[in-house]
Amino acid sequence: MTSLTDEQRRARLEALQSLIDLMRPAVQADGGDLVLVRADVEAGVVEVELQGACSSCAISSDTIQGGVTRILTDRLDWVTEVIGGVDEEADLEASMALGTGGYVPRYRKL
């Protein structure tokens, strides 16, 4: 593994955060949110968390796999793994009241 300069690390982190910020409004429209938990820009491992209404949404795993993972790996060639989860501390009733979720087609790898 090649070591990155501080400038390369910063550029990767900025590109990652910009892409997360680009995806957030779609998640927020359904009462949720998408946050970057951590990123190892040298190893290519990114951890994200769905919050708000996403905590009680049945398709949150599809959002991570079919949406977030696909977009991050397609647009950032250095991303090798996306670890995703939901806010486990969210109150189920409060989470459900935030939004209803929307249709997300299943992701099929070609």
N, C-alpha and C. Protein backbone atom coordinates (compact mmCIF):
# COMPACT_ATOMS: atom_id res chain seq x y z
N MET A 1 0.85 -1.18 0.00
CA MET A 1 0.00 0.00 0.00
C MET A 1 0.90 1.24 0.00
N THR A 2 0.59 2.16 -0.89
CA THR A 2 1.34 3.40 -1.01
C THR A 2 0.82 4.40 0.01
N SER A 3 1.75 5.08 0.65
CA SER A 3 1.37 6.08 1.63
C SER A 3 0.97 7.38 0.91
N LEU A 4 -0.09 7.98 1.38
CA LEU A 4 -0.58 9.22 0.79
C LEU A 4 0.03 10.42 1.48
N THR A 5 0.15 11.50 0.75
CA THR A 5 0.57 12.76 1.36
C THR A 5 -0.62 13.35 2.11
N ASP A 6 -0.33 14.33 2.95
CA ASP A 6 -1.41 15.01 3.68
C ASP A 6 -2.39 15.66 2.70
N GLU A 7 -1.86 16.22 1.62
CA GLU A 7 -2.70 16.87 0.60
C GLU A 7 -3.62 15.85 -0.09
N GLN A 8 -3.11 14.66 -0.38
CA GLN A 8 -3.93 13.62 -1.00
C GLN A 8 -5.01 13.14 -0.05
N ARG A 9 -4.66 12.98 1.22
CA ARG A 9 -5.65 12.57 2.23
C ARG A 9 -6.76 13.61 2.33
N ARG A 10 -6.35 14.87 2.39
CA ARG A 10 -7.33 15.97 2.50
C ARG A 10 -8.23 16.00 1.27
N ALA A 11 -7.66 15.83 0.09
CA ALA A 11 -8.46 15.86 -1.14
C ALA A 11 -9.46 14.71 -1.18
N ARG A 12 -9.03 13.53 -0.75
CA ARG A 12 -9.95 12.38 -0.73
C ARG A 12 -11.08 12.61 0.27
N LEU A 13 -10.74 13.11 1.44
CA LEU A 13 -11.76 13.35 2.46
C LEU A 13 -12.74 14.43 2.01
N GLU A 14 -12.25 15.47 1.38
CA GLU A 14 -13.12 16.53 0.86
C GLU A 14 -14.05 16.00 -0.23
N ALA A 15 -13.52 15.18 -1.13
CA ALA A 15 -14.34 14.61 -2.20
C ALA A 15 -15.41 13.69 -1.61
N LEU A 16 -15.04 12.91 -0.61
CA LEU A 16 -15.99 12.02 0.06
C LEU A 16 -17.10 12.82 0.73
N GLN A 17 -16.72 13.84 1.50
CA GLN A 17 -17.72 14.64 2.20
C GLN A 17 -18.64 15.37 1.21
N SER A 18 -18.09 15.84 0.12
CA SER A 18 -18.90 16.50 -0.91
C SER A 18 -19.93 15.54 -1.49
N LEU A 19 -19.52 14.31 -1.72
CA LEU A 19 -20.45 13.31 -2.27
C LEU A 19 -21.52 12.95 -1.25
N ILE A 20 -21.15 12.80 0.00
CA ILE A 20 -22.13 12.54 1.07
C ILE A 20 -23.13 13.70 1.12
N ASP A 21 -22.62 14.93 1.07
CA ASP A 21 -23.49 16.11 1.11
C ASP A 21 -24.44 16.16 -0.09
N LEU A 22 -23.99 15.64 -1.22
CA LEU A 22 -24.83 15.59 -2.41
C LEU A 22 -25.98 14.58 -2.25
N MET A 23 -25.73 13.50 -1.53
CA MET A 23 -26.75 12.46 -1.32
C MET A 23 -27.72 12.79 -0.18
N ARG A 24 -27.30 13.58 0.77
CA ARG A 24 -28.10 13.84 1.97
C ARG A 24 -29.50 14.38 1.70
N PRO A 25 -29.71 15.33 0.78
CA PRO A 25 -31.07 15.85 0.59
C PRO A 25 -32.09 14.77 0.21
N ALA A 26 -31.68 13.76 -0.55
CA ALA A 26 -32.61 12.68 -0.91
C ALA A 26 -33.03 11.89 0.32
N VAL A 27 -32.11 11.67 1.23
CA VAL A 27 -32.42 10.94 2.47
C VAL A 27 -33.23 11.84 3.40
N GLN A 28 -32.86 13.11 3.47
CA GLN A 28 -33.56 14.05 4.33
C GLN A 28 -35.00 14.29 3.88
N ALA A 29 -35.27 14.14 2.59
CA ALA A 29 -36.63 14.33 2.08
C ALA A 29 -37.60 13.32 2.67
N ASP A 30 -37.08 12.18 3.14
CA ASP A 30 -37.92 11.16 3.76
C ASP A 30 -37.80 11.17 5.28
N GLY A 31 -37.24 12.24 5.84
CA GLY A 31 -37.17 12.38 7.29
C GLY A 31 -35.94 11.76 7.92
N GLY A 32 -34.98 11.37 7.10
CA GLY A 32 -33.76 10.76 7.64
C GLY A 32 -32.56 11.65 7.42
N ASP A 33 -31.41 11.06 7.60
CA ASP A 33 -30.16 11.77 7.33
C ASP A 33 -29.07 10.74 7.11
N LEU A 34 -28.03 11.17 6.41
CA LEU A 34 -26.88 10.34 6.12
C LEU A 34 -25.66 11.07 6.64
N VAL A 35 -24.90 10.42 7.54
CA VAL A 35 -23.72 11.06 8.10
C VAL A 35 -22.50 10.17 7.91
N LEU A 36 -21.38 10.82 7.71
CA LEU A 36 -20.10 10.13 7.62
C LEU A 36 -19.60 9.91 9.03
N VAL A 37 -19.39 8.65 9.41
CA VAL A 37 -18.93 8.31 10.75
C VAL A 37 -17.41 8.34 10.80
N ARG A 38 -16.78 7.68 9.83
CA ARG A 38 -15.32 7.69 9.75
C ARG A 38 -14.91 7.27 8.35
N ALA A 39 -13.67 7.59 8.01
CA ALA A 39 -13.14 7.21 6.71
C ALA A 39 -11.64 6.97 6.82
N ASP A 40 -11.21 5.81 6.37
CA ASP A 40 -9.79 5.51 6.25
C ASP A 40 -9.47 5.68 4.77
N VAL A 41 -9.01 6.86 4.40
CA VAL A 41 -8.82 7.18 2.99
C VAL A 41 -7.65 6.43 2.37
N GLU A 42 -6.77 5.89 3.18
CA GLU A 42 -5.67 5.09 2.64
C GLU A 42 -6.13 3.66 2.35
N ALA A 43 -6.90 3.08 3.25
CA ALA A 43 -7.39 1.71 3.06
C ALA A 43 -8.64 1.66 2.18
N GLY A 44 -9.32 2.80 2.04
CA GLY A 44 -10.52 2.85 1.21
C GLY A 44 -11.79 2.45 1.92
N VAL A 45 -11.76 2.43 3.25
CA VAL A 45 -12.92 2.00 4.04
C VAL A 45 -13.66 3.23 4.55
N VAL A 46 -14.97 3.26 4.28
CA VAL A 46 -15.82 4.38 4.67
C VAL A 46 -16.96 3.83 5.53
N GLU A 47 -17.25 4.49 6.63
CA GLU A 47 -18.39 4.10 7.47
C GLU A 47 -19.39 5.24 7.50
N VAL A 48 -20.65 4.90 7.20
CA VAL A 48 -21.73 5.88 7.21
C VAL A 48 -22.85 5.38 8.11
N GLU A 49 -23.72 6.31 8.50
CA GLU A 49 -24.86 5.94 9.34
C GLU A 49 -26.10 6.67 8.85
N LEU A 50 -27.19 5.92 8.78
CA LEU A 50 -28.49 6.51 8.48
C LEU A 50 -29.15 6.86 9.81
N GLN A 51 -29.73 8.05 9.88
CA GLN A 51 -30.37 8.50 11.11
C GLN A 51 -31.80 8.94 10.84
N GLY A 52 -32.49 9.33 11.89
CA GLY A 52 -33.86 9.83 11.77
C GLY A 52 -34.81 8.73 11.37
N ALA A 53 -35.69 9.02 10.41
CA ALA A 53 -36.70 8.06 9.97
C ALA A 53 -36.06 6.79 9.41
N CYS A 54 -34.82 6.88 8.97
CA CYS A 54 -34.13 5.71 8.41
C CYS A 54 -33.92 4.63 9.46
N SER A 55 -33.94 5.01 10.73
CA SER A 55 -33.71 4.05 11.81
C SER A 55 -34.82 3.00 11.88
N SER A 56 -36.02 3.34 11.41
CA SER A 56 -37.13 2.39 11.45
C SER A 56 -37.56 1.95 10.06
N CYS A 57 -36.83 2.36 9.03
CA CYS A 57 -37.23 2.08 7.66
C CYS A 57 -36.79 0.69 7.23
N ALA A 58 -37.72 -0.04 6.63
CA ALA A 58 -37.44 -1.41 6.20
C ALA A 58 -36.45 -1.47 5.05
N ILE A 59 -36.29 -0.39 4.31
CA ILE A 59 -35.39 -0.43 3.16
C ILE A 59 -34.06 0.29 3.43
N SER A 60 -33.73 0.51 4.69
CA SER A 60 -32.48 1.21 4.99
C SER A 60 -31.27 0.43 4.50
N SER A 61 -31.29 -0.90 4.59
CA SER A 61 -30.14 -1.67 4.09
C SER A 61 -30.04 -1.55 2.57
N ASP A 62 -31.17 -1.46 1.87
CA ASP A 62 -31.15 -1.24 0.42
C ASP A 62 -30.59 0.14 0.09
N THR A 63 -30.90 1.12 0.93
CA THR A 63 -30.37 2.47 0.72
C THR A 63 -28.85 2.46 0.84
N ILE A 64 -28.34 1.74 1.82
CA ILE A 64 -26.89 1.65 1.99
C ILE A 64 -26.27 0.89 0.81
N GLN A 65 -26.78 -0.30 0.52
CA GLN A 65 -26.17 -1.14 -0.53
C GLN A 65 -26.43 -0.61 -1.92
N GLY A 66 -27.68 -0.36 -2.25
CA GLY A 66 -28.03 0.02 -3.61
C GLY A 66 -27.80 1.47 -3.94
N GLY A 67 -27.69 2.29 -2.94
CA GLY A 67 -27.51 3.71 -3.18
C GLY A 67 -26.15 4.20 -2.76
N VAL A 68 -25.94 4.27 -1.47
CA VAL A 68 -24.72 4.87 -0.94
C VAL A 68 -23.47 4.13 -1.39
N THR A 69 -23.43 2.81 -1.20
CA THR A 69 -22.26 2.03 -1.59
C THR A 69 -21.98 2.15 -3.08
N ARG A 70 -23.02 1.99 -3.87
CA ARG A 70 -22.85 2.06 -5.33
C ARG A 70 -22.31 3.41 -5.76
N ILE A 71 -22.89 4.48 -5.23
CA ILE A 71 -22.45 5.82 -5.63
C ILE A 71 -21.02 6.09 -5.18
N LEU A 72 -20.69 5.74 -3.94
CA LEU A 72 -19.34 6.01 -3.45
C LEU A 72 -18.28 5.21 -4.23
N THR A 73 -18.54 3.93 -4.47
CA THR A 73 -17.55 3.12 -5.19
C THR A 73 -17.47 3.47 -6.67
N ASP A 74 -18.59 3.91 -7.25
CA ASP A 74 -18.57 4.31 -8.66
C ASP A 74 -17.83 5.63 -8.88
N ARG A 75 -18.00 6.56 -7.95
CA ARG A 75 -17.46 7.91 -8.16
C ARG A 75 -16.12 8.18 -7.50
N LEU A 76 -15.76 7.36 -6.52
CA LEU A 76 -14.47 7.52 -5.84
C LEU A 76 -13.71 6.21 -5.99
N ASP A 77 -12.78 6.17 -6.92
CA ASP A 77 -12.11 4.90 -7.25
C ASP A 77 -11.29 4.32 -6.10
N TRP A 78 -11.00 5.11 -5.09
CA TRP A 78 -10.22 4.61 -3.97
C TRP A 78 -11.08 3.94 -2.89
N VAL A 79 -12.41 4.10 -2.95
CA VAL A 79 -13.29 3.47 -1.96
C VAL A 79 -13.43 1.99 -2.29
N THR A 80 -13.04 1.15 -1.34
CA THR A 80 -13.09 -0.30 -1.54
C THR A 80 -14.18 -0.98 -0.70
N GLU A 81 -14.59 -0.32 0.39
CA GLU A 81 -15.59 -0.92 1.27
C GLU A 81 -16.40 0.19 1.94
N VAL A 82 -17.72 -0.02 2.00
CA VAL A 82 -18.61 0.91 2.70
C VAL A 82 -19.31 0.13 3.80
N ILE A 83 -19.13 0.58 5.02
CA ILE A 83 -19.79 -0.03 6.17
C ILE A 83 -20.93 0.90 6.53
N GLY A 84 -22.13 0.35 6.58
CA GLY A 84 -23.28 1.19 6.86
C GLY A 84 -24.12 0.63 7.98
N GLY A 85 -24.75 1.52 8.68
CA GLY A 85 -25.63 1.12 9.76
C GLY A 85 -26.69 2.18 9.98
N VAL A 86 -27.54 1.91 10.94
CA VAL A 86 -28.57 2.88 11.32
C VAL A 86 -28.34 3.28 12.76
N ASP A 87 -28.87 4.42 13.13
CA ASP A 87 -28.75 4.93 14.49
C ASP A 87 -29.54 4.02 15.42
N GLU A 88 -28.84 3.17 16.14
CA GLU A 88 -29.49 2.18 17.03
C GLU A 88 -30.11 2.82 18.26
N GLU A 89 -29.73 4.04 18.56
CA GLU A 89 -30.24 4.69 19.77
C GLU A 89 -31.52 5.47 19.52
N ALA A 90 -31.94 5.53 18.25
CA ALA A 90 -33.15 6.29 17.93
C ALA A 90 -34.38 5.58 18.49
N ASP A 91 -35.29 6.36 19.01
CA ASP A 91 -36.56 5.84 19.51
C ASP A 91 -37.41 5.42 18.33
N LEU A 92 -37.91 4.19 18.32
CA LEU A 92 -38.66 3.66 17.19
C LEU A 92 -39.88 4.50 16.85
N GLU A 93 -40.66 4.90 17.84
CA GLU A 93 -41.86 5.69 17.60
C GLU A 93 -41.50 7.06 17.01
N ALA A 94 -40.50 7.71 17.58
CA ALA A 94 -40.07 9.02 17.08
C ALA A 94 -39.52 8.90 15.67
N SER A 95 -38.77 7.83 15.42
CA SER A 95 -38.20 7.61 14.10
C SER A 95 -39.30 7.42 13.05
N MET A 96 -40.30 6.64 13.37
CA MET A 96 -41.39 6.38 12.43
C MET A 96 -42.18 7.65 12.14
N ALA A 97 -42.27 8.55 13.10
CA ALA A 97 -43.03 9.78 12.92
C ALA A 97 -42.32 10.79 12.01
N LEU A 98 -41.02 10.60 11.78
CA LEU A 98 -40.25 11.54 10.99
C LEU A 98 -40.50 11.44 9.49
N GLY A 99 -40.89 10.29 9.03
CA GLY A 99 -41.10 10.13 7.59
C GLY A 99 -41.58 8.74 7.26
N THR A 100 -42.00 8.58 6.02
CA THR A 100 -42.57 7.30 5.61
C THR A 100 -41.65 6.51 4.70
N GLY A 101 -40.59 7.11 4.21
CA GLY A 101 -39.72 6.41 3.28
C GLY A 101 -40.29 6.47 1.89
N GLY A 102 -39.51 6.13 0.95
CA GLY A 102 -39.92 6.16 -0.44
C GLY A 102 -39.49 4.90 -1.15
N TYR A 103 -39.94 4.77 -2.37
CA TYR A 103 -39.58 3.59 -3.15
C TYR A 103 -38.13 3.69 -3.60
N VAL A 104 -37.38 2.66 -3.32
CA VAL A 104 -35.99 2.57 -3.78
C VAL A 104 -35.87 1.25 -4.53
N PRO A 105 -35.59 1.28 -5.83
CA PRO A 105 -35.47 0.02 -6.57
C PRO A 105 -34.30 -0.81 -6.07
N ARG A 106 -34.45 -2.11 -6.15
CA ARG A 106 -33.37 -3.01 -5.75
C ARG A 106 -32.18 -2.84 -6.65
N TYR A 107 -31.02 -2.88 -6.07
CA TYR A 107 -29.76 -2.77 -6.81
C TYR A 107 -29.36 -4.15 -7.31
N ARG A 108 -29.10 -4.25 -8.58
CA ARG A 108 -28.61 -5.51 -9.14
C ARG A 108 -27.24 -5.26 -9.74
N LYS A 109 -26.30 -6.06 -9.30
CA LYS A 109 -24.96 -5.94 -9.85
C LYS A 109 -24.94 -6.67 -11.20
N LEU A 110 -24.47 -5.97 -12.20
CA LEU A 110 -24.41 -6.55 -13.55
C LEU A 110 -23.12 -7.27 -13.77
